[in-house]
């Protein structure tokens, strides 16, 4: 496969080369991003950014190292940059029972399908702008970039609304659990 990619690069067929690279390295780049970031969502975003950087760098690739080494270096550097620039998660005090219940419900909802269904029933109660972002990102599997483009929003707004929507869902899930327990 690398020979086909090299041939496409020599012929200045960068689009064809990128398609071949995506076919050959998509899973490998994602696995490397997962290993470096320890988070699937972050890894997906970093892998996408890596391929964007690879695309932009293809015209300048001179073959001084193997193609796979270059791709992995781009991915590693992208992940390191991503890790430095992303926001640190806010830790919640888990001594508060409603907060603990909401966090447990959120984690449970990310695993079994039955819990996910419960969250889907709560989704209409979330603010509309947050609900749109949550739906596009989680249910339709769109990237941050795609959501931002589809809703004509800045990337920062998409990330903020996604974070606020998750928090709203966590509170609603905690309330729903408390109601079921009483």
N, C-alpha and C. Protein backbone atom coordinates (compact mmCIF):
# COMPACT_ATOMS: atom_id res chain seq x y z
N UNK A 1 0.83 -1.19 0.00
CA UNK A 1 0.00 0.00 0.00
C UNK A 1 0.87 1.26 0.00
N UNK A 2 1.96 1.24 0.79
CA UNK A 2 2.84 2.41 0.84
C UNK A 2 3.43 2.72 -0.53
N UNK A 3 3.67 1.71 -1.33
CA UNK A 3 4.22 1.93 -2.68
C UNK A 3 3.21 2.69 -3.54
N UNK A 4 1.93 2.34 -3.42
CA UNK A 4 0.89 3.06 -4.16
C UNK A 4 0.80 4.51 -3.70
N UNK A 5 0.91 4.70 -2.41
CA UNK A 5 0.86 6.05 -1.86
C UNK A 5 2.06 6.86 -2.38
N UNK A 6 3.24 6.26 -2.33
CA UNK A 6 4.45 6.94 -2.81
C UNK A 6 4.31 7.30 -4.29
N UNK A 7 3.74 6.37 -5.08
CA UNK A 7 3.56 6.63 -6.51
C UNK A 7 2.61 7.80 -6.72
N UNK A 8 1.53 7.85 -5.94
CA UNK A 8 0.59 8.97 -6.05
C UNK A 8 1.25 10.29 -5.66
N UNK A 9 2.10 10.25 -4.64
CA UNK A 9 2.81 11.47 -4.22
C UNK A 9 3.79 11.94 -5.28
N UNK A 10 4.51 10.99 -5.88
CA UNK A 10 5.46 11.36 -6.94
C UNK A 10 4.74 11.99 -8.13
N UNK A 11 3.51 11.54 -8.37
CA UNK A 11 2.72 12.07 -9.49
C UNK A 11 1.94 13.32 -9.08
N UNK A 12 2.21 13.84 -7.86
CA UNK A 12 1.49 15.01 -7.33
C UNK A 12 -0.03 14.79 -7.28
N UNK A 13 -0.44 13.58 -7.04
CA UNK A 13 -1.86 13.24 -6.89
C UNK A 13 -2.16 13.13 -5.39
N UNK A 14 -2.20 14.27 -4.75
CA UNK A 14 -2.32 14.31 -3.30
C UNK A 14 -3.67 13.82 -2.80
N UNK A 15 -4.72 14.06 -3.55
CA UNK A 15 -6.04 13.58 -3.13
C UNK A 15 -6.07 12.06 -3.12
N UNK A 16 -5.54 11.45 -4.18
CA UNK A 16 -5.49 9.99 -4.25
C UNK A 16 -4.60 9.43 -3.15
N UNK A 17 -3.48 10.11 -2.90
CA UNK A 17 -2.57 9.67 -1.84
C UNK A 17 -3.26 9.72 -0.49
N UNK A 18 -4.01 10.78 -0.22
CA UNK A 18 -4.71 10.89 1.05
C UNK A 18 -5.75 9.78 1.20
N UNK A 19 -6.49 9.48 0.13
CA UNK A 19 -7.47 8.40 0.20
C UNK A 19 -6.81 7.08 0.55
N UNK A 20 -5.66 6.81 -0.06
CA UNK A 20 -4.93 5.58 0.24
C UNK A 20 -4.41 5.59 1.68
N UNK A 21 -3.93 6.74 2.13
CA UNK A 21 -3.45 6.87 3.50
C UNK A 21 -4.60 6.62 4.48
N UNK A 22 -5.75 7.19 4.20
CA UNK A 22 -6.90 6.98 5.08
C UNK A 22 -7.26 5.50 5.15
N UNK A 23 -7.27 4.83 4.01
CA UNK A 23 -7.58 3.40 4.00
C UNK A 23 -6.57 2.60 4.81
N UNK A 24 -5.30 2.93 4.66
CA UNK A 24 -4.23 2.14 5.28
C UNK A 24 -3.98 2.50 6.75
N UNK A 25 -4.20 3.76 7.12
CA UNK A 25 -3.76 4.21 8.45
C UNK A 25 -4.87 4.69 9.37
N UNK A 26 -6.10 4.70 8.93
CA UNK A 26 -7.19 5.23 9.77
C UNK A 26 -7.23 4.58 11.15
N UNK A 27 -7.25 3.27 11.17
CA UNK A 27 -7.35 2.55 12.44
C UNK A 27 -6.08 2.73 13.27
N UNK A 28 -4.92 2.68 12.62
CA UNK A 28 -3.65 2.82 13.33
C UNK A 28 -3.51 4.20 13.97
N UNK A 29 -3.89 5.22 13.24
CA UNK A 29 -3.82 6.59 13.78
C UNK A 29 -4.78 6.73 14.96
N UNK A 30 -5.97 6.20 14.82
CA UNK A 30 -6.94 6.27 15.91
C UNK A 30 -6.43 5.54 17.15
N UNK A 31 -5.87 4.35 16.97
CA UNK A 31 -5.35 3.59 18.11
C UNK A 31 -4.20 4.33 18.79
N UNK A 32 -3.33 4.95 18.00
CA UNK A 32 -2.25 5.74 18.59
C UNK A 32 -2.82 6.91 19.37
N UNK A 33 -3.81 7.59 18.81
CA UNK A 33 -4.43 8.72 19.51
C UNK A 33 -5.10 8.26 20.81
N UNK A 34 -5.75 7.10 20.76
CA UNK A 34 -6.37 6.55 21.99
C UNK A 34 -5.32 6.29 23.05
N UNK A 35 -4.21 5.71 22.62
CA UNK A 35 -3.14 5.39 23.58
C UNK A 35 -2.54 6.66 24.19
N UNK A 36 -2.44 7.71 23.42
CA UNK A 36 -1.82 8.94 23.91
C UNK A 36 -2.79 9.79 24.74
N UNK A 37 -4.07 9.71 24.43
CA UNK A 37 -5.04 10.61 25.08
C UNK A 37 -5.94 9.92 26.10
N UNK A 38 -6.02 8.60 26.06
CA UNK A 38 -6.83 7.84 27.01
C UNK A 38 -8.30 8.24 27.02
N UNK A 39 -8.80 8.71 25.90
CA UNK A 39 -10.21 9.11 25.82
C UNK A 39 -10.65 8.97 24.37
N UNK A 40 -11.72 8.22 24.15
CA UNK A 40 -12.16 7.93 22.79
C UNK A 40 -12.57 9.20 22.03
N UNK A 41 -13.35 10.05 22.68
CA UNK A 41 -13.81 11.28 22.00
C UNK A 41 -12.63 12.18 21.65
N UNK A 42 -11.71 12.33 22.60
CA UNK A 42 -10.52 13.14 22.32
C UNK A 42 -9.69 12.51 21.21
N UNK A 43 -9.59 11.19 21.22
CA UNK A 43 -8.80 10.49 20.20
C UNK A 43 -9.43 10.67 18.82
N UNK A 44 -10.75 10.62 18.74
CA UNK A 44 -11.42 10.83 17.46
C UNK A 44 -11.12 12.22 16.91
N UNK A 45 -11.21 13.19 17.79
CA UNK A 45 -10.95 14.57 17.37
C UNK A 45 -9.49 14.75 16.95
N UNK A 46 -8.57 14.19 17.74
CA UNK A 46 -7.15 14.30 17.43
C UNK A 46 -6.80 13.55 16.14
N UNK A 47 -7.43 12.41 15.91
CA UNK A 47 -7.18 11.66 14.68
C UNK A 47 -7.64 12.47 13.47
N UNK A 48 -8.79 13.09 13.57
CA UNK A 48 -9.28 13.94 12.48
C UNK A 48 -8.31 15.08 12.22
N UNK A 49 -7.86 15.71 13.28
CA UNK A 49 -6.91 16.81 13.15
C UNK A 49 -5.60 16.30 12.54
N UNK A 50 -5.19 15.11 12.92
CA UNK A 50 -3.96 14.52 12.37
C UNK A 50 -4.08 14.35 10.86
N UNK A 51 -5.20 13.83 10.41
CA UNK A 51 -5.37 13.63 8.97
C UNK A 51 -5.46 14.97 8.23
N UNK A 52 -6.01 15.97 8.87
CA UNK A 52 -6.01 17.30 8.26
C UNK A 52 -4.58 17.81 8.11
N UNK A 53 -3.77 17.62 9.14
CA UNK A 53 -2.37 18.04 9.08
C UNK A 53 -1.59 17.21 8.05
N UNK A 54 -1.89 15.94 7.97
CA UNK A 54 -1.25 15.08 6.97
C UNK A 54 -1.59 15.58 5.57
N UNK A 55 -2.86 15.89 5.35
CA UNK A 55 -3.30 16.39 4.05
C UNK A 55 -2.55 17.66 3.67
N UNK A 56 -2.46 18.58 4.65
CA UNK A 56 -1.76 19.84 4.38
C UNK A 56 -0.27 19.62 4.16
N UNK A 57 0.30 18.59 4.80
CA UNK A 57 1.73 18.35 4.70
C UNK A 57 2.16 17.46 3.55
N UNK A 58 1.21 16.83 2.87
CA UNK A 58 1.58 15.92 1.78
C UNK A 58 2.44 16.55 0.70
N UNK A 59 2.14 17.77 0.25
CA UNK A 59 2.99 18.34 -0.79
C UNK A 59 4.45 18.53 -0.35
N UNK A 60 4.67 18.67 0.94
CA UNK A 60 6.03 18.87 1.44
C UNK A 60 6.73 17.59 1.86
N UNK A 61 6.02 16.46 1.84
CA UNK A 61 6.65 15.19 2.24
C UNK A 61 7.69 14.79 1.20
N UNK A 62 8.93 14.63 1.64
CA UNK A 62 10.04 14.34 0.72
C UNK A 62 10.55 12.91 0.83
N UNK A 63 9.99 12.13 1.73
CA UNK A 63 10.40 10.74 1.84
C UNK A 63 11.70 10.54 2.58
N UNK A 64 12.11 11.51 3.39
CA UNK A 64 13.34 11.36 4.15
C UNK A 64 13.20 10.33 5.27
N UNK A 65 11.97 10.04 5.65
CA UNK A 65 11.67 8.95 6.58
C UNK A 65 10.57 8.13 5.92
N UNK A 66 10.29 6.98 6.50
CA UNK A 66 9.22 6.17 5.91
C UNK A 66 7.89 6.90 6.10
N UNK A 67 6.96 6.61 5.25
CA UNK A 67 5.65 7.25 5.31
C UNK A 67 4.98 6.99 6.65
N UNK A 68 5.03 5.74 7.13
CA UNK A 68 4.39 5.42 8.40
C UNK A 68 5.03 6.20 9.55
N UNK A 69 6.34 6.35 9.54
CA UNK A 69 7.02 7.11 10.59
C UNK A 69 6.55 8.56 10.57
N UNK A 70 6.45 9.13 9.39
CA UNK A 70 5.98 10.51 9.27
C UNK A 70 4.55 10.66 9.77
N UNK A 71 3.67 9.72 9.37
CA UNK A 71 2.26 9.77 9.78
C UNK A 71 2.15 9.65 11.30
N UNK A 72 2.91 8.73 11.89
CA UNK A 72 2.86 8.57 13.34
C UNK A 72 3.44 9.80 14.06
N UNK A 73 4.46 10.41 13.48
CA UNK A 73 5.02 11.63 14.09
C UNK A 73 4.00 12.76 14.06
N UNK A 74 3.31 12.91 12.93
CA UNK A 74 2.27 13.94 12.83
C UNK A 74 1.18 13.66 13.86
N UNK A 75 0.77 12.41 13.97
CA UNK A 75 -0.28 12.04 14.92
C UNK A 75 0.18 12.29 16.36
N UNK A 76 1.38 11.86 16.69
CA UNK A 76 1.91 12.06 18.04
C UNK A 76 1.96 13.55 18.38
N UNK A 77 2.48 14.36 17.47
CA UNK A 77 2.57 15.79 17.73
C UNK A 77 1.19 16.43 17.85
N UNK A 78 0.26 15.98 17.03
CA UNK A 78 -1.11 16.49 17.13
C UNK A 78 -1.71 16.16 18.49
N UNK A 79 -1.51 14.93 18.94
CA UNK A 79 -2.07 14.51 20.23
C UNK A 79 -1.42 15.28 21.38
N UNK A 80 -0.12 15.48 21.29
CA UNK A 80 0.56 16.24 22.35
C UNK A 80 0.06 17.68 22.39
N UNK A 81 -0.12 18.28 21.24
CA UNK A 81 -0.67 19.65 21.18
C UNK A 81 -2.09 19.67 21.70
N UNK A 82 -2.87 18.68 21.31
CA UNK A 82 -4.26 18.61 21.75
C UNK A 82 -4.34 18.48 23.27
N UNK A 83 -3.47 17.63 23.82
CA UNK A 83 -3.48 17.41 25.27
C UNK A 83 -3.11 18.69 26.01
N UNK A 84 -2.22 19.50 25.46
CA UNK A 84 -1.82 20.75 26.11
C UNK A 84 -2.89 21.82 26.02
N UNK A 85 -3.67 21.82 24.95
CA UNK A 85 -4.61 22.92 24.74
C UNK A 85 -6.03 22.63 25.20
N UNK A 86 -6.38 21.37 25.39
CA UNK A 86 -7.76 21.08 25.78
C UNK A 86 -8.00 21.50 27.22
N UNK A 87 -9.25 21.76 27.49
CA UNK A 87 -9.63 22.19 28.84
C UNK A 87 -9.58 21.00 29.77
N UNK A 88 -9.14 21.25 30.96
CA UNK A 88 -9.13 20.22 31.99
C UNK A 88 -10.55 20.02 32.49
N UNK A 89 -10.97 18.78 32.71
CA UNK A 89 -12.32 18.56 33.23
C UNK A 89 -12.47 19.10 34.64
N UNK A 90 -13.63 19.61 34.90
CA UNK A 90 -13.92 20.15 36.22
C UNK A 90 -14.33 18.98 37.11
N UNK A 91 -13.68 18.85 38.25
CA UNK A 91 -14.04 17.76 39.15
C UNK A 91 -15.18 18.22 40.05
N UNK A 92 -16.13 17.33 40.24
CA UNK A 92 -17.29 17.64 41.06
C UNK A 92 -17.12 17.01 42.43
N UNK A 93 -17.61 17.67 43.47
CA UNK A 93 -17.54 17.05 44.80
C UNK A 93 -18.53 15.90 44.88
N UNK A 94 -18.03 14.69 45.09
CA UNK A 94 -18.91 13.52 45.09
C UNK A 94 -19.48 13.22 46.46
N UNK A 95 -19.32 14.14 47.41
CA UNK A 95 -19.92 13.92 48.71
C UNK A 95 -21.38 14.37 48.71
N UNK A 96 -21.80 15.07 47.69
CA UNK A 96 -23.18 15.53 47.56
C UNK A 96 -23.98 14.43 46.87
N UNK A 97 -24.99 13.90 47.51
CA UNK A 97 -25.74 12.75 46.98
C UNK A 97 -26.36 12.99 45.61
N UNK A 98 -27.03 14.13 45.34
CA UNK A 98 -27.58 14.32 44.00
C UNK A 98 -26.51 14.37 42.91
N UNK A 99 -25.36 14.99 43.23
CA UNK A 99 -24.28 15.05 42.25
C UNK A 99 -23.75 13.64 42.00
N UNK A 100 -23.55 12.86 43.06
CA UNK A 100 -23.06 11.50 42.91
C UNK A 100 -24.03 10.68 42.07
N UNK A 101 -25.32 10.80 42.34
CA UNK A 101 -26.32 10.05 41.58
C UNK A 101 -26.31 10.46 40.11
N UNK A 102 -26.15 11.76 39.86
CA UNK A 102 -26.12 12.23 38.48
C UNK A 102 -24.90 11.71 37.74
N UNK A 103 -23.74 11.74 38.40
CA UNK A 103 -22.52 11.23 37.78
C UNK A 103 -22.63 9.74 37.51
N UNK A 104 -23.16 8.99 38.48
CA UNK A 104 -23.33 7.54 38.28
C UNK A 104 -24.30 7.27 37.15
N UNK A 105 -25.35 8.04 37.06
CA UNK A 105 -26.31 7.85 35.97
C UNK A 105 -25.67 8.16 34.62
N UNK A 106 -24.86 9.19 34.60
CA UNK A 106 -24.20 9.55 33.34
C UNK A 106 -23.25 8.44 32.90
N UNK A 107 -22.46 7.93 33.83
CA UNK A 107 -21.54 6.85 33.49
C UNK A 107 -22.30 5.59 33.07
N UNK A 108 -23.37 5.30 33.76
CA UNK A 108 -24.18 4.13 33.41
C UNK A 108 -24.79 4.30 32.02
N UNK A 109 -25.17 5.52 31.70
CA UNK A 109 -25.80 5.77 30.40
C UNK A 109 -24.82 5.60 29.25
N UNK A 110 -23.56 5.74 29.53
CA UNK A 110 -22.56 5.59 28.47
C UNK A 110 -22.25 4.11 28.22
N UNK A 111 -22.75 3.21 29.06
CA UNK A 111 -22.46 1.79 28.90
C UNK A 111 -23.67 1.02 28.36
N UNK A 112 -24.61 0.60 29.20
CA UNK A 112 -25.70 -0.26 28.71
C UNK A 112 -26.74 0.52 27.92
N UNK A 113 -27.36 -0.14 26.96
CA UNK A 113 -28.37 0.46 26.11
C UNK A 113 -29.61 0.91 26.89
N UNK A 114 -29.99 0.15 27.90
CA UNK A 114 -31.20 0.51 28.65
C UNK A 114 -31.05 1.89 29.29
N UNK A 115 -29.89 2.17 29.86
CA UNK A 115 -29.66 3.48 30.48
C UNK A 115 -29.61 4.57 29.43
N UNK A 116 -29.05 4.25 28.26
CA UNK A 116 -28.98 5.23 27.19
C UNK A 116 -30.41 5.64 26.79
N UNK A 117 -31.32 4.70 26.78
CA UNK A 117 -32.70 5.00 26.46
C UNK A 117 -33.28 5.99 27.46
N UNK A 118 -32.97 5.82 28.74
CA UNK A 118 -33.44 6.74 29.76
C UNK A 118 -32.94 8.15 29.47
N UNK A 119 -31.69 8.28 29.06
CA UNK A 119 -31.16 9.60 28.74
C UNK A 119 -31.86 10.18 27.52
N UNK A 120 -32.19 9.35 26.55
CA UNK A 120 -32.90 9.85 25.37
C UNK A 120 -34.26 10.41 25.76
N UNK A 121 -34.90 9.81 26.76
CA UNK A 121 -36.19 10.34 27.22
C UNK A 121 -36.02 11.68 27.92
N UNK A 122 -34.84 11.92 28.50
CA UNK A 122 -34.58 13.18 29.19
C UNK A 122 -34.14 14.29 28.23
N UNK A 123 -33.68 13.91 27.06
CA UNK A 123 -33.12 14.88 26.12
C UNK A 123 -34.06 16.04 25.79
N UNK A 124 -35.37 15.81 25.60
CA UNK A 124 -36.25 16.95 25.30
C UNK A 124 -36.32 18.01 26.40
N UNK A 125 -35.90 17.66 27.61
CA UNK A 125 -35.94 18.62 28.71
C UNK A 125 -34.71 19.54 28.74
N UNK A 126 -33.71 19.22 27.92
CA UNK A 126 -32.48 20.02 27.86
C UNK A 126 -32.74 21.25 27.00
N UNK A 127 -32.08 22.34 27.30
CA UNK A 127 -32.22 23.57 26.51
C UNK A 127 -32.00 23.26 25.02
N UNK A 128 -32.77 23.91 24.17
CA UNK A 128 -32.77 23.56 22.74
C UNK A 128 -31.39 23.63 22.10
N UNK A 129 -30.65 24.70 22.35
CA UNK A 129 -29.32 24.81 21.73
C UNK A 129 -28.40 23.68 22.19
N UNK A 130 -28.46 23.32 23.46
CA UNK A 130 -27.64 22.23 23.99
C UNK A 130 -28.11 20.89 23.41
N UNK A 131 -29.41 20.74 23.30
CA UNK A 131 -29.98 19.50 22.76
C UNK A 131 -29.55 19.29 21.31
N UNK A 132 -29.52 20.36 20.51
CA UNK A 132 -29.09 20.24 19.11
C UNK A 132 -27.65 19.74 19.03
N UNK A 133 -26.79 20.33 19.83
CA UNK A 133 -25.38 19.96 19.81
C UNK A 133 -25.20 18.52 20.31
N UNK A 134 -25.87 18.17 21.41
CA UNK A 134 -25.79 16.80 21.94
C UNK A 134 -26.26 15.79 20.90
N UNK A 135 -27.35 16.07 20.24
CA UNK A 135 -27.91 15.15 19.25
C UNK A 135 -26.96 14.96 18.08
N UNK A 136 -26.45 16.05 17.54
CA UNK A 136 -25.54 15.94 16.40
C UNK A 136 -24.25 15.22 16.78
N UNK A 137 -23.70 15.54 17.93
CA UNK A 137 -22.40 14.99 18.32
C UNK A 137 -22.52 13.52 18.75
N UNK A 138 -23.46 13.23 19.66
CA UNK A 138 -23.52 11.88 20.22
C UNK A 138 -24.41 10.93 19.42
N UNK A 139 -25.56 11.40 19.00
CA UNK A 139 -26.50 10.49 18.34
C UNK A 139 -26.21 10.34 16.86
N UNK A 140 -25.74 11.40 16.22
CA UNK A 140 -25.44 11.32 14.79
C UNK A 140 -23.96 11.15 14.51
N UNK A 141 -23.13 11.21 15.55
CA UNK A 141 -21.71 10.95 15.40
C UNK A 141 -20.94 12.01 14.63
N UNK A 142 -21.42 13.23 14.63
CA UNK A 142 -20.73 14.32 13.93
C UNK A 142 -19.54 14.81 14.77
N UNK A 143 -18.53 15.31 14.11
CA UNK A 143 -17.37 15.88 14.79
C UNK A 143 -17.70 17.28 15.27
N UNK A 144 -16.83 17.83 16.12
CA UNK A 144 -17.02 19.21 16.56
C UNK A 144 -17.10 20.14 15.35
N UNK A 145 -16.20 19.91 14.39
CA UNK A 145 -16.15 20.76 13.20
C UNK A 145 -17.46 20.68 12.41
N UNK A 146 -17.97 19.46 12.25
CA UNK A 146 -19.21 19.29 11.50
C UNK A 146 -20.38 19.95 12.21
N UNK A 147 -20.44 19.79 13.53
CA UNK A 147 -21.52 20.42 14.30
C UNK A 147 -21.43 21.94 14.16
N UNK A 148 -20.22 22.47 14.29
CA UNK A 148 -20.03 23.92 14.18
C UNK A 148 -20.48 24.41 12.80
N UNK A 149 -20.11 23.67 11.77
CA UNK A 149 -20.49 24.06 10.42
C UNK A 149 -22.00 23.95 10.20
N UNK A 150 -22.59 22.85 10.67
CA UNK A 150 -24.02 22.64 10.47
C UNK A 150 -24.87 23.69 11.18
N UNK A 151 -24.41 24.12 12.35
CA UNK A 151 -25.18 25.09 13.14
C UNK A 151 -24.67 26.51 12.98
N UNK A 152 -23.66 26.71 12.13
CA UNK A 152 -23.05 28.03 11.91
C UNK A 152 -22.62 28.67 13.23
N UNK A 153 -21.87 27.89 14.00
CA UNK A 153 -21.39 28.35 15.30
C UNK A 153 -19.88 28.26 15.36
N UNK A 154 -19.25 29.07 16.21
CA UNK A 154 -17.82 28.91 16.43
C UNK A 154 -17.56 27.59 17.18
N UNK A 155 -16.39 27.02 16.98
CA UNK A 155 -16.03 25.76 17.62
C UNK A 155 -16.13 25.85 19.14
N UNK A 156 -15.70 26.95 19.72
CA UNK A 156 -15.76 27.12 21.17
C UNK A 156 -17.19 27.07 21.70
N UNK A 157 -18.11 27.64 20.96
CA UNK A 157 -19.52 27.61 21.36
C UNK A 157 -20.04 26.18 21.34
N UNK A 158 -19.68 25.42 20.32
CA UNK A 158 -20.12 24.02 20.23
C UNK A 158 -19.61 23.25 21.45
N UNK A 159 -18.34 23.41 21.79
CA UNK A 159 -17.77 22.70 22.93
C UNK A 159 -18.42 23.13 24.24
N UNK A 160 -18.68 24.43 24.37
CA UNK A 160 -19.33 24.94 25.58
C UNK A 160 -20.74 24.39 25.71
N UNK A 161 -21.52 24.45 24.64
CA UNK A 161 -22.89 23.94 24.69
C UNK A 161 -22.92 22.44 24.91
N UNK A 162 -21.97 21.72 24.36
CA UNK A 162 -21.89 20.28 24.58
C UNK A 162 -21.62 20.00 26.05
N UNK A 163 -20.72 20.73 26.65
CA UNK A 163 -20.40 20.56 28.06
C UNK A 163 -21.61 20.91 28.93
N UNK A 164 -22.25 22.01 28.63
CA UNK A 164 -23.42 22.42 29.42
C UNK A 164 -24.58 21.43 29.24
N UNK A 165 -24.74 20.93 28.03
CA UNK A 165 -25.79 19.93 27.78
C UNK A 165 -25.54 18.66 28.56
N UNK A 166 -24.30 18.21 28.62
CA UNK A 166 -23.97 17.02 29.41
C UNK A 166 -24.29 17.26 30.88
N UNK A 167 -23.96 18.44 31.37
CA UNK A 167 -24.25 18.76 32.78
C UNK A 167 -25.75 18.78 33.03
N UNK A 168 -26.51 19.36 32.09
CA UNK A 168 -27.98 19.37 32.24
C UNK A 168 -28.51 17.95 32.29
N UNK A 169 -28.03 17.10 31.38
CA UNK A 169 -28.47 15.70 31.38
C UNK A 169 -28.11 15.00 32.67
N UNK A 170 -26.94 15.28 33.20
CA UNK A 170 -26.52 14.65 34.45
C UNK A 170 -27.44 15.05 35.60
N UNK A 171 -27.79 16.32 35.66
CA UNK A 171 -28.71 16.78 36.70
C UNK A 171 -30.08 16.14 36.53
N UNK A 172 -30.58 16.12 35.30
CA UNK A 172 -31.88 15.51 35.04
C UNK A 172 -31.87 14.02 35.37
N UNK A 173 -30.77 13.34 35.04
CA UNK A 173 -30.66 11.92 35.34
C UNK A 173 -30.64 11.71 36.85
N UNK A 174 -29.91 12.56 37.55
CA UNK A 174 -29.88 12.46 39.01
C UNK A 174 -31.26 12.66 39.62
N UNK A 175 -32.02 13.62 39.09
CA UNK A 175 -33.38 13.85 39.57
C UNK A 175 -34.27 12.64 39.28
N UNK A 176 -34.12 12.07 38.08
CA UNK A 176 -34.93 10.91 37.70
C UNK A 176 -34.62 9.72 38.59
N UNK A 177 -33.37 9.53 38.91
CA UNK A 177 -32.98 8.42 39.80
C UNK A 177 -33.53 8.65 41.20
N UNK A 178 -33.44 9.89 41.67
CA UNK A 178 -33.97 10.21 43.01
C UNK A 178 -35.47 9.96 43.07
N UNK A 179 -36.18 10.31 41.98
CA UNK A 179 -37.62 10.07 41.95
C UNK A 179 -37.94 8.59 41.96
N UNK A 180 -37.16 7.80 41.22
CA UNK A 180 -37.39 6.34 41.20
C UNK A 180 -37.12 5.71 42.55
N UNK A 181 -36.16 6.27 43.30
CA UNK A 181 -35.80 5.69 44.59
C UNK A 181 -36.80 6.06 45.68
N UNK A 182 -37.56 7.13 45.46
CA UNK A 182 -38.50 7.55 46.52
C UNK A 182 -39.87 7.00 46.32
